Amino acid sequence: AQADLDPAIYDTIRSSAPTKTIVTAH
């Protein structure tokens, strides 16, 4: 909002992004 961007952008990114990030090591 302070950068004059629509805060709804966050909801769009969150709804379209994968919900799970997996970090592995081997």
mmCIF file of all heavy atoms, coordinates in Angstrom:
data_MODEL
# 
_entry.id   MODEL 
# 
loop_
_atom_site.group_PDB 
_atom_site.id 
_atom_site.type_symbol 
_atom_site.label_atom_id 
_atom_site.label_alt_id 
_atom_site.label_comp_id 
_atom_site.label_asym_id 
_atom_site.label_entity_id 
_atom_site.label_seq_id 
_atom_site.pdbx_PDB_ins_code 
_atom_site.Cartn_x 
_atom_site.Cartn_y 
_atom_site.Cartn_z 
_atom_site.occupancy 
_atom_site.B_iso_or_equiv 
_atom_site.pdbx_formal_charge 
_atom_site.auth_seq_id 
_atom_site.auth_comp_id 
_atom_site.auth_asym_id 
_atom_site.auth_atom_id 
_atom_site.pdbx_PDB_model_num 
ATOM 1   N N   . ALA A 1 1  ? 0.825  -1.212  0.000  1.00 0.00 ? 1  ALA A N   1 
ATOM 2   C CA  . ALA A 1 1  ? 0.000  0.000   0.000  1.00 0.00 ? 1  ALA A CA  1 
ATOM 3   C C   . ALA A 1 1  ? 0.859  1.260   0.000  1.00 0.00 ? 1  ALA A C   1 
ATOM 4   O O   . ALA A 1 1  ? 0.566  2.227   -0.709 1.00 0.00 ? 1  ALA A O   1 
ATOM 5   C CB  . ALA A 1 1  ? -0.936 -0.012  1.204  1.00 0.00 ? 1  ALA A CB  1 
ATOM 6   N N   . GLN A 1 2  ? 1.948  1.277   0.796  1.00 0.00 ? 2  GLN A N   1 
ATOM 7   C CA  . GLN A 1 2  ? 2.801  2.457   0.868  1.00 0.00 ? 2  GLN A CA  1 
ATOM 8   C C   . GLN A 1 2  ? 3.580  2.663   -0.419 1.00 0.00 ? 2  GLN A C   1 
ATOM 9   O O   . GLN A 1 2  ? 4.080  3.762   -0.666 1.00 0.00 ? 2  GLN A O   1 
ATOM 10  C CB  . GLN A 1 2  ? 3.742  2.343   2.058  1.00 0.00 ? 2  GLN A CB  1 
ATOM 11  C CG  . GLN A 1 2  ? 3.035  2.442   3.391  1.00 0.00 ? 2  GLN A CG  1 
ATOM 12  C CD  . GLN A 1 2  ? 3.982  2.780   4.526  1.00 0.00 ? 2  GLN A CD  1 
ATOM 13  O OE1 . GLN A 1 2  ? 5.155  3.037   4.329  1.00 0.00 ? 2  GLN A OE1 1 
ATOM 14  N NE2 . GLN A 1 2  ? 3.450  2.794   5.745  1.00 0.00 ? 2  GLN A NE2 1 
ATOM 15  N N   . ALA A 1 3  ? 3.711  1.606   -1.228 1.00 0.00 ? 3  ALA A N   1 
ATOM 16  C CA  . ALA A 1 3  ? 4.373  1.738   -2.528 1.00 0.00 ? 3  ALA A CA  1 
ATOM 17  C C   . ALA A 1 3  ? 3.361  2.015   -3.636 1.00 0.00 ? 3  ALA A C   1 
ATOM 18  O O   . ALA A 1 3  ? 3.685  1.916   -4.821 1.00 0.00 ? 3  ALA A O   1 
ATOM 19  C CB  . ALA A 1 3  ? 5.154  0.469   -2.842 1.00 0.00 ? 3  ALA A CB  1 
ATOM 20  N N   . ASP A 1 4  ? 2.117  2.364   -3.233 1.00 0.00 ? 4  ASP A N   1 
ATOM 21  C CA  . ASP A 1 4  ? 1.052  2.663   -4.189 1.00 0.00 ? 4  ASP A CA  1 
ATOM 22  C C   . ASP A 1 4  ? 0.707  1.466   -5.059 1.00 0.00 ? 4  ASP A C   1 
ATOM 23  O O   . ASP A 1 4  ? 0.333  1.606   -6.233 1.00 0.00 ? 4  ASP A O   1 
ATOM 24  C CB  . ASP A 1 4  ? 1.438  3.857   -5.090 1.00 0.00 ? 4  ASP A CB  1 
ATOM 25  C CG  . ASP A 1 4  ? 1.586  5.133   -4.291 1.00 0.00 ? 4  ASP A CG  1 
ATOM 26  O OD1 . ASP A 1 4  ? 0.829  5.318   -3.316 1.00 0.00 ? 4  ASP A OD1 1 
ATOM 27  O OD2 . ASP A 1 4  ? 2.468  5.943   -4.636 1.00 0.00 ? 4  ASP A OD2 1 
ATOM 28  N N   . LEU A 1 5  ? 0.850  0.275   -4.489 1.00 0.00 ? 5  LEU A N   1 
ATOM 29  C CA  . LEU A 1 5  ? 0.441  -0.953  -5.158 1.00 0.00 ? 5  LEU A CA  1 
ATOM 30  C C   . LEU A 1 5  ? -0.782 -1.509  -4.443 1.00 0.00 ? 5  LEU A C   1 
ATOM 31  O O   . LEU A 1 5  ? -0.914 -1.384  -3.227 1.00 0.00 ? 5  LEU A O   1 
ATOM 32  C CB  . LEU A 1 5  ? 1.572  -1.980  -5.155 1.00 0.00 ? 5  LEU A CB  1 
ATOM 33  C CG  . LEU A 1 5  ? 2.852  -1.582  -5.902 1.00 0.00 ? 5  LEU A CG  1 
ATOM 34  C CD1 . LEU A 1 5  ? 3.926  -2.640  -5.701 1.00 0.00 ? 5  LEU A CD1 1 
ATOM 35  C CD2 . LEU A 1 5  ? 2.566  -1.411  -7.392 1.00 0.00 ? 5  LEU A CD2 1 
ATOM 36  N N   . ASP A 1 6  ? -1.648 -2.127  -5.193 1.00 0.00 ? 6  ASP A N   1 
ATOM 37  C CA  . ASP A 1 6  ? -2.880 -2.678  -4.627 1.00 0.00 ? 6  ASP A CA  1 
ATOM 38  C C   . ASP A 1 6  ? -2.536 -3.822  -3.680 1.00 0.00 ? 6  ASP A C   1 
ATOM 39  O O   . ASP A 1 6  ? -1.928 -4.809  -4.106 1.00 0.00 ? 6  ASP A O   1 
ATOM 40  C CB  . ASP A 1 6  ? -3.780 -3.178  -5.756 1.00 0.00 ? 6  ASP A CB  1 
ATOM 41  C CG  . ASP A 1 6  ? -5.151 -3.621  -5.263 1.00 0.00 ? 6  ASP A CG  1 
ATOM 42  O OD1 . ASP A 1 6  ? -5.357 -3.643  -4.027 1.00 0.00 ? 6  ASP A OD1 1 
ATOM 43  O OD2 . ASP A 1 6  ? -5.992 -3.942  -6.114 1.00 0.00 ? 6  ASP A OD2 1 
ATOM 44  N N   . PRO A 1 7  ? -2.899 -3.738  -2.395 1.00 0.00 ? 7  PRO A N   1 
ATOM 45  C CA  . PRO A 1 7  ? -2.623 -4.837  -1.461 1.00 0.00 ? 7  PRO A CA  1 
ATOM 46  C C   . PRO A 1 7  ? -3.235 -6.158  -1.886 1.00 0.00 ? 7  PRO A C   1 
ATOM 47  O O   . PRO A 1 7  ? -2.803 -7.222  -1.439 1.00 0.00 ? 7  PRO A O   1 
ATOM 48  C CB  . PRO A 1 7  ? -3.242 -4.333  -0.144 1.00 0.00 ? 7  PRO A CB  1 
ATOM 49  C CG  . PRO A 1 7  ? -3.235 -2.847  -0.268 1.00 0.00 ? 7  PRO A CG  1 
ATOM 50  C CD  . PRO A 1 7  ? -3.514 -2.583  -1.713 1.00 0.00 ? 7  PRO A CD  1 
ATOM 51  N N   . ALA A 1 8  ? -4.248 -6.103  -2.773 1.00 0.00 ? 8  ALA A N   1 
ATOM 52  C CA  . ALA A 1 8  ? -4.864 -7.338  -3.259 1.00 0.00 ? 8  ALA A CA  1 
ATOM 53  C C   . ALA A 1 8  ? -3.877 -8.176  -4.054 1.00 0.00 ? 8  ALA A C   1 
ATOM 54  O O   . ALA A 1 8  ? -4.108 -9.370  -4.286 1.00 0.00 ? 8  ALA A O   1 
ATOM 55  C CB  . ALA A 1 8  ? -6.091 -7.013  -4.110 1.00 0.00 ? 8  ALA A CB  1 
ATOM 56  N N   . ILE A 1 9  ? -2.768 -7.552  -4.483 1.00 0.00 ? 9  ILE A N   1 
ATOM 57  C CA  . ILE A 1 9  ? -1.738 -8.307  -5.197 1.00 0.00 ? 9  ILE A CA  1 
ATOM 58  C C   . ILE A 1 9  ? -1.252 -9.473  -4.348 1.00 0.00 ? 9  ILE A C   1 
ATOM 59  O O   . ILE A 1 9  ? -0.985 -10.568 -4.851 1.00 0.00 ? 9  ILE A O   1 
ATOM 60  C CB  . ILE A 1 9  ? -0.556 -7.384  -5.573 1.00 0.00 ? 9  ILE A CB  1 
ATOM 61  C CG1 . ILE A 1 9  ? -1.009 -6.357  -6.600 1.00 0.00 ? 9  ILE A CG1 1 
ATOM 62  C CG2 . ILE A 1 9  ? 0.627  -8.191  -6.108 1.00 0.00 ? 9  ILE A CG2 1 
ATOM 63  C CD1 . ILE A 1 9  ? 0.056  -5.335  -6.942 1.00 0.00 ? 9  ILE A CD1 1 
ATOM 64  N N   . TYR A 1 10 ? -1.150 -9.237  -3.043 1.00 0.00 ? 10 TYR A N   1 
ATOM 65  C CA  . TYR A 1 10 ? -0.685 -10.290 -2.150 1.00 0.00 ? 10 TYR A CA  1 
ATOM 66  C C   . TYR A 1 10 ? -1.630 -11.484 -2.188 1.00 0.00 ? 10 TYR A C   1 
ATOM 67  O O   . TYR A 1 10 ? -1.197 -12.635 -2.245 1.00 0.00 ? 10 TYR A O   1 
ATOM 68  C CB  . TYR A 1 10 ? -0.568 -9.770  -0.724 1.00 0.00 ? 10 TYR A CB  1 
ATOM 69  C CG  . TYR A 1 10 ? -0.218 -10.846 0.280  1.00 0.00 ? 10 TYR A CG  1 
ATOM 70  C CD1 . TYR A 1 10 ? 1.095  -11.279 0.429  1.00 0.00 ? 10 TYR A CD1 1 
ATOM 71  C CD2 . TYR A 1 10 ? -1.204 -11.451 1.055  1.00 0.00 ? 10 TYR A CD2 1 
ATOM 72  C CE1 . TYR A 1 10 ? 1.418  -12.280 1.330  1.00 0.00 ? 10 TYR A CE1 1 
ATOM 73  C CE2 . TYR A 1 10 ? -0.882 -12.455 1.958  1.00 0.00 ? 10 TYR A CE2 1 
ATOM 74  C CZ  . TYR A 1 10 ? 0.422  -12.854 2.092  1.00 0.00 ? 10 TYR A CZ  1 
ATOM 75  O OH  . TYR A 1 10 ? 0.739  -13.851 2.978  1.00 0.00 ? 10 TYR A OH  1 
ATOM 76  N N   . ASP A 1 11 ? -2.933 -11.222 -2.181 1.00 0.00 ? 11 ASP A N   1 
ATOM 77  C CA  . ASP A 1 11 ? -3.907 -12.311 -2.216 1.00 0.00 ? 11 ASP A CA  1 
ATOM 78  C C   . ASP A 1 11 ? -3.815 -13.082 -3.525 1.00 0.00 ? 11 ASP A C   1 
ATOM 79  O O   . ASP A 1 11 ? -3.956 -14.305 -3.551 1.00 0.00 ? 11 ASP A O   1 
ATOM 80  C CB  . ASP A 1 11 ? -5.325 -11.760 -2.032 1.00 0.00 ? 11 ASP A CB  1 
ATOM 81  C CG  . ASP A 1 11 ? -5.521 -11.124 -0.663 1.00 0.00 ? 11 ASP A CG  1 
ATOM 82  O OD1 . ASP A 1 11 ? -4.983 -11.683 0.320  1.00 0.00 ? 11 ASP A OD1 1 
ATOM 83  O OD2 . ASP A 1 11 ? -6.181 -10.084 -0.581 1.00 0.00 ? 11 ASP A OD2 1 
ATOM 84  N N   . THR A 1 12 ? -3.561 -12.359 -4.615 1.00 0.00 ? 12 THR A N   1 
ATOM 85  C CA  . THR A 1 12 ? -3.422 -13.016 -5.909 1.00 0.00 ? 12 THR A CA  1 
ATOM 86  C C   . THR A 1 12 ? -2.210 -13.928 -5.933 1.00 0.00 ? 12 THR A C   1 
ATOM 87  O O   . THR A 1 12 ? -2.270 -15.066 -6.396 1.00 0.00 ? 12 THR A O   1 
ATOM 88  C CB  . THR A 1 12 ? -3.293 -11.965 -7.032 1.00 0.00 ? 12 THR A CB  1 
ATOM 89  O OG1 . THR A 1 12 ? -4.448 -11.117 -7.015 1.00 0.00 ? 12 THR A OG1 1 
ATOM 90  C CG2 . THR A 1 12 ? -3.177 -12.640 -8.390 1.00 0.00 ? 12 THR A CG2 1 
ATOM 91  N N   . ILE A 1 13 ? -1.097 -13.417 -5.403 1.00 0.00 ? 13 ILE A N   1 
ATOM 92  C CA  . ILE A 1 13 ? 0.125  -14.225 -5.365 1.00 0.00 ? 13 ILE A CA  1 
ATOM 93  C C   . ILE A 1 13 ? -0.062 -15.453 -4.481 1.00 0.00 ? 13 ILE A C   1 
ATOM 94  O O   . ILE A 1 13 ? 0.305  -16.568 -4.837 1.00 0.00 ? 13 ILE A O   1 
ATOM 95  C CB  . ILE A 1 13 ? 1.311  -13.376 -4.855 1.00 0.00 ? 13 ILE A CB  1 
ATOM 96  C CG1 . ILE A 1 13 ? 1.613  -12.253 -5.846 1.00 0.00 ? 13 ILE A CG1 1 
ATOM 97  C CG2 . ILE A 1 13 ? 2.547  -14.241 -4.635 1.00 0.00 ? 13 ILE A CG2 1 
ATOM 98  C CD1 . ILE A 1 13 ? 2.659  -11.281 -5.350 1.00 0.00 ? 13 ILE A CD1 1 
ATOM 99  N N   . ARG A 1 14 ? -0.677 -15.242 -3.320 1.00 0.00 ? 14 ARG A N   1 
ATOM 100 C CA  . ARG A 1 14 ? -0.860 -16.342 -2.383 1.00 0.00 ? 14 ARG A CA  1 
ATOM 101 C C   . ARG A 1 14 ? -1.782 -17.406 -2.940 1.00 0.00 ? 14 ARG A C   1 
ATOM 102 O O   . ARG A 1 14 ? -1.533 -18.612 -2.783 1.00 0.00 ? 14 ARG A O   1 
ATOM 103 C CB  . ARG A 1 14 ? -1.414 -15.815 -1.067 1.00 0.00 ? 14 ARG A CB  1 
ATOM 104 C CG  . ARG A 1 14 ? -1.533 -16.885 0.014  1.00 0.00 ? 14 ARG A CG  1 
ATOM 105 C CD  . ARG A 1 14 ? -2.095 -16.313 1.295  1.00 0.00 ? 14 ARG A CD  1 
ATOM 106 N NE  . ARG A 1 14 ? -3.441 -15.782 1.097  1.00 0.00 ? 14 ARG A NE  1 
ATOM 107 C CZ  . ARG A 1 14 ? -4.190 -15.272 2.070  1.00 0.00 ? 14 ARG A CZ  1 
ATOM 108 N NH1 . ARG A 1 14 ? -3.701 -15.177 3.300  1.00 0.00 ? 14 ARG A NH1 1 
ATOM 109 N NH2 . ARG A 1 14 ? -5.396 -14.816 1.816  1.00 0.00 ? 14 ARG A NH2 1 
ATOM 110 N N   . SER A 1 15 ? -2.859 -17.008 -3.631 1.00 0.00 ? 15 SER A N   1 
ATOM 111 C CA  . SER A 1 15 ? -3.818 -17.972 -4.151 1.00 0.00 ? 15 SER A CA  1 
ATOM 112 C C   . SER A 1 15 ? -3.276 -18.751 -5.333 1.00 0.00 ? 15 SER A C   1 
ATOM 113 O O   . SER A 1 15 ? -3.663 -19.895 -5.571 1.00 0.00 ? 15 SER A O   1 
ATOM 114 C CB  . SER A 1 15 ? -5.109 -17.256 -4.565 1.00 0.00 ? 15 SER A CB  1 
ATOM 115 O OG  . SER A 1 15 ? -4.853 -16.310 -5.601 1.00 0.00 ? 15 SER A OG  1 
ATOM 116 N N   . SER A 1 16 ? -2.348 -18.144 -6.087 1.00 0.00 ? 16 SER A N   1 
ATOM 117 C CA  . SER A 1 16 ? -1.818 -18.808 -7.271 1.00 0.00 ? 16 SER A CA  1 
ATOM 118 C C   . SER A 1 16 ? -0.529 -19.560 -7.004 1.00 0.00 ? 16 SER A C   1 
ATOM 119 O O   . SER A 1 16 ? -0.116 -20.396 -7.811 1.00 0.00 ? 16 SER A O   1 
ATOM 120 C CB  . SER A 1 16 ? -1.572 -17.776 -8.384 1.00 0.00 ? 16 SER A CB  1 
ATOM 121 O OG  . SER A 1 16 ? -0.620 -16.813 -7.971 1.00 0.00 ? 16 SER A OG  1 
ATOM 122 N N   . ALA A 1 17 ? 0.107  -19.287 -5.871 1.00 0.00 ? 17 ALA A N   1 
ATOM 123 C CA  . ALA A 1 17 ? 1.398  -19.917 -5.569 1.00 0.00 ? 17 ALA A CA  1 
ATOM 124 C C   . ALA A 1 17 ? 1.198  -21.304 -4.960 1.00 0.00 ? 17 ALA A C   1 
ATOM 125 O O   . ALA A 1 17 ? 0.193  -21.568 -4.298 1.00 0.00 ? 17 ALA A O   1 
ATOM 126 C CB  . ALA A 1 17 ? 2.190  -19.048 -4.604 1.00 0.00 ? 17 ALA A CB  1 
ATOM 127 N N   . PRO A 1 18 ? 2.140  -22.217 -5.181 1.00 0.00 ? 18 PRO A N   1 
ATOM 128 C CA  . PRO A 1 18 ? 2.085  -23.522 -4.515 1.00 0.00 ? 18 PRO A CA  1 
ATOM 129 C C   . PRO A 1 18 ? 2.095  -23.343 -3.009 1.00 0.00 ? 18 PRO A C   1 
ATOM 130 O O   . PRO A 1 18 ? 2.712  -22.417 -2.480 1.00 0.00 ? 18 PRO A O   1 
ATOM 131 C CB  . PRO A 1 18 ? 3.372  -24.208 -5.008 1.00 0.00 ? 18 PRO A CB  1 
ATOM 132 C CG  . PRO A 1 18 ? 3.732  -23.508 -6.279 1.00 0.00 ? 18 PRO A CG  1 
ATOM 133 C CD  . PRO A 1 18 ? 3.291  -22.088 -6.089 1.00 0.00 ? 18 PRO A CD  1 
ATOM 134 N N   . THR A 1 19 ? 1.404  -24.207 -2.312 1.00 0.00 ? 19 THR A N   1 
ATOM 135 C CA  . THR A 1 19 ? 1.235  -24.024 -0.870 1.00 0.00 ? 19 THR A CA  1 
ATOM 136 C C   . THR A 1 19 ? 2.357  -24.649 -0.057 1.00 0.00 ? 19 THR A C   1 
ATOM 137 O O   . THR A 1 19 ? 2.470  -24.364 1.125  1.00 0.00 ? 19 THR A O   1 
ATOM 138 C CB  . THR A 1 19 ? -0.098 -24.644 -0.425 1.00 0.00 ? 19 THR A CB  1 
ATOM 139 O OG1 . THR A 1 19 ? -0.123 -26.039 -0.788 1.00 0.00 ? 19 THR A OG1 1 
ATOM 140 C CG2 . THR A 1 19 ? -1.268 -23.935 -1.100 1.00 0.00 ? 19 THR A CG2 1 
ATOM 141 N N   . LYS A 1 20 ? 3.158  -25.484 -0.649 1.00 0.00 ? 20 LYS A N   1 
ATOM 142 C CA  . LYS A 1 20 ? 4.151  -26.207 0.136  1.00 0.00 ? 20 LYS A CA  1 
ATOM 143 C C   . LYS A 1 20 ? 5.540  -26.066 -0.466 1.00 0.00 ? 20 LYS A C   1 
ATOM 144 O O   . LYS A 1 20 ? 5.749  -26.305 -1.654 1.00 0.00 ? 20 LYS A O   1 
ATOM 145 C CB  . LYS A 1 20 ? 3.786  -27.696 0.214  1.00 0.00 ? 20 LYS A CB  1 
ATOM 146 C CG  . LYS A 1 20 ? 4.697  -28.512 1.105  1.00 0.00 ? 20 LYS A CG  1 
ATOM 147 C CD  . LYS A 1 20 ? 4.613  -28.069 2.558  1.00 0.00 ? 20 LYS A CD  1 
ATOM 148 C CE  . LYS A 1 20 ? 5.444  -28.958 3.464  1.00 0.00 ? 20 LYS A CE  1 
ATOM 149 N NZ  . LYS A 1 20 ? 5.415  -28.494 4.866  1.00 0.00 ? 20 LYS A NZ  1 
ATOM 150 N N   . THR A 1 21 ? 6.483  -25.645 0.340  1.00 0.00 ? 21 THR A N   1 
ATOM 151 C CA  . THR A 1 21 ? 7.887  -25.613 -0.042 1.00 0.00 ? 21 THR A CA  1 
ATOM 152 C C   . THR A 1 21 ? 8.618  -26.676 0.753  1.00 0.00 ? 21 THR A C   1 
ATOM 153 O O   . THR A 1 21 ? 8.479  -26.754 1.970  1.00 0.00 ? 21 THR A O   1 
ATOM 154 C CB  . THR A 1 21 ? 8.506  -24.235 0.247  1.00 0.00 ? 21 THR A CB  1 
ATOM 155 O OG1 . THR A 1 21 ? 7.785  -23.232 -0.479 1.00 0.00 ? 21 THR A OG1 1 
ATOM 156 C CG2 . THR A 1 21 ? 9.969  -24.202 -0.169 1.00 0.00 ? 21 THR A CG2 1 
ATOM 157 N N   . ILE A 1 22 ? 9.370  -27.499 0.051  1.00 0.00 ? 22 ILE A N   1 
ATOM 158 C CA  . ILE A 1 22 ? 10.063 -28.623 0.693  1.00 0.00 ? 22 ILE A CA  1 
ATOM 159 C C   . ILE A 1 22 ? 11.568 -28.431 0.542  1.00 0.00 ? 22 ILE A C   1 
ATOM 160 O O   . ILE A 1 22 ? 12.074 -28.205 -0.559 1.00 0.00 ? 22 ILE A O   1 
ATOM 161 C CB  . ILE A 1 22 ? 9.648  -29.967 0.067  1.00 0.00 ? 22 ILE A CB  1 
ATOM 162 C CG1 . ILE A 1 22 ? 8.135  -30.175 0.222  1.00 0.00 ? 22 ILE A CG1 1 
ATOM 163 C CG2 . ILE A 1 22 ? 10.405 -31.120 0.721  1.00 0.00 ? 22 ILE A CG2 1 
ATOM 164 C CD1 . ILE A 1 22 ? 7.621  -31.424 -0.464 1.00 0.00 ? 22 ILE A CD1 1 
ATOM 165 N N   . VAL A 1 23 ? 12.271 -28.505 1.654  1.00 0.00 ? 23 VAL A N   1 
ATOM 166 C CA  . VAL A 1 23 ? 13.731 -28.401 1.665  1.00 0.00 ? 23 VAL A CA  1 
ATOM 167 C C   . VAL A 1 23 ? 14.298 -29.746 2.086  1.00 0.00 ? 23 VAL A C   1 
ATOM 168 O O   . VAL A 1 23 ? 13.938 -30.271 3.134  1.00 0.00 ? 23 VAL A O   1 
ATOM 169 C CB  . VAL A 1 23 ? 14.210 -27.301 2.631  1.00 0.00 ? 23 VAL A CB  1 
ATOM 170 C CG1 . VAL A 1 23 ? 15.736 -27.166 2.581  1.00 0.00 ? 23 VAL A CG1 1 
ATOM 171 C CG2 . VAL A 1 23 ? 13.553 -25.965 2.296  1.00 0.00 ? 23 VAL A CG2 1 
ATOM 172 N N   . THR A 1 24 ? 15.156 -30.304 1.261  1.00 0.00 ? 24 THR A N   1 
ATOM 173 C CA  . THR A 1 24 ? 15.740 -31.609 1.557  1.00 0.00 ? 24 THR A CA  1 
ATOM 174 C C   . THR A 1 24 ? 17.258 -31.548 1.438  1.00 0.00 ? 24 THR A C   1 
ATOM 175 O O   . THR A 1 24 ? 17.816 -30.644 0.803  1.00 0.00 ? 24 THR A O   1 
ATOM 176 C CB  . THR A 1 24 ? 15.212 -32.694 0.601  1.00 0.00 ? 24 THR A CB  1 
ATOM 177 O OG1 . THR A 1 24 ? 15.567 -32.357 -0.752 1.00 0.00 ? 24 THR A OG1 1 
ATOM 178 C CG2 . THR A 1 24 ? 13.700 -32.826 0.711  1.00 0.00 ? 24 THR A CG2 1 
ATOM 179 N N   . ALA A 1 25 ? 17.908 -32.515 2.035  1.00 0.00 ? 25 ALA A N   1 
ATOM 180 C CA  . ALA A 1 25 ? 19.366 -32.637 1.919  1.00 0.00 ? 25 ALA A CA  1 
ATOM 181 C C   . ALA A 1 25 ? 19.719 -34.123 1.868  1.00 0.00 ? 25 ALA A C   1 
ATOM 182 O O   . ALA A 1 25 ? 19.095 -34.938 2.561  1.00 0.00 ? 25 ALA A O   1 
ATOM 183 C CB  . ALA A 1 25 ? 20.066 -31.970 3.102  1.00 0.00 ? 25 ALA A CB  1 
ATOM 184 N N   . HIS A 1 26 ? 20.678 -34.465 1.039  1.00 0.00 ? 26 HIS A N   1 
ATOM 185 C CA  . HIS A 1 26 ? 21.145 -35.848 1.005  1.00 0.00 ? 26 HIS A CA  1 
ATOM 186 C C   . HIS A 1 26 ? 22.578 -35.894 0.476  1.00 0.00 ? 26 HIS A C   1 
ATOM 187 O O   . HIS A 1 26 ? 23.068 -34.925 -0.111 1.00 0.00 ? 26 HIS A O   1 
ATOM 188 C CB  . HIS A 1 26 ? 20.228 -36.731 0.142  1.00 0.00 ? 26 HIS A CB  1 
ATOM 189 C CG  . HIS A 1 26 ? 20.103 -36.283 -1.288 1.00 0.00 ? 26 HIS A CG  1 
ATOM 190 N ND1 . HIS A 1 26 ? 19.126 -35.415 -1.721 1.00 0.00 ? 26 HIS A ND1 1 
ATOM 191 C CD2 . HIS A 1 26 ? 20.843 -36.574 -2.388 1.00 0.00 ? 26 HIS A CD2 1 
ATOM 192 C CE1 . HIS A 1 26 ? 19.251 -35.209 -3.010 1.00 0.00 ? 26 HIS A CE1 1 
ATOM 193 N NE2 . HIS A 1 26 ? 20.285 -35.890 -3.436 1.00 0.00 ? 26 HIS A NE2 1 
# 
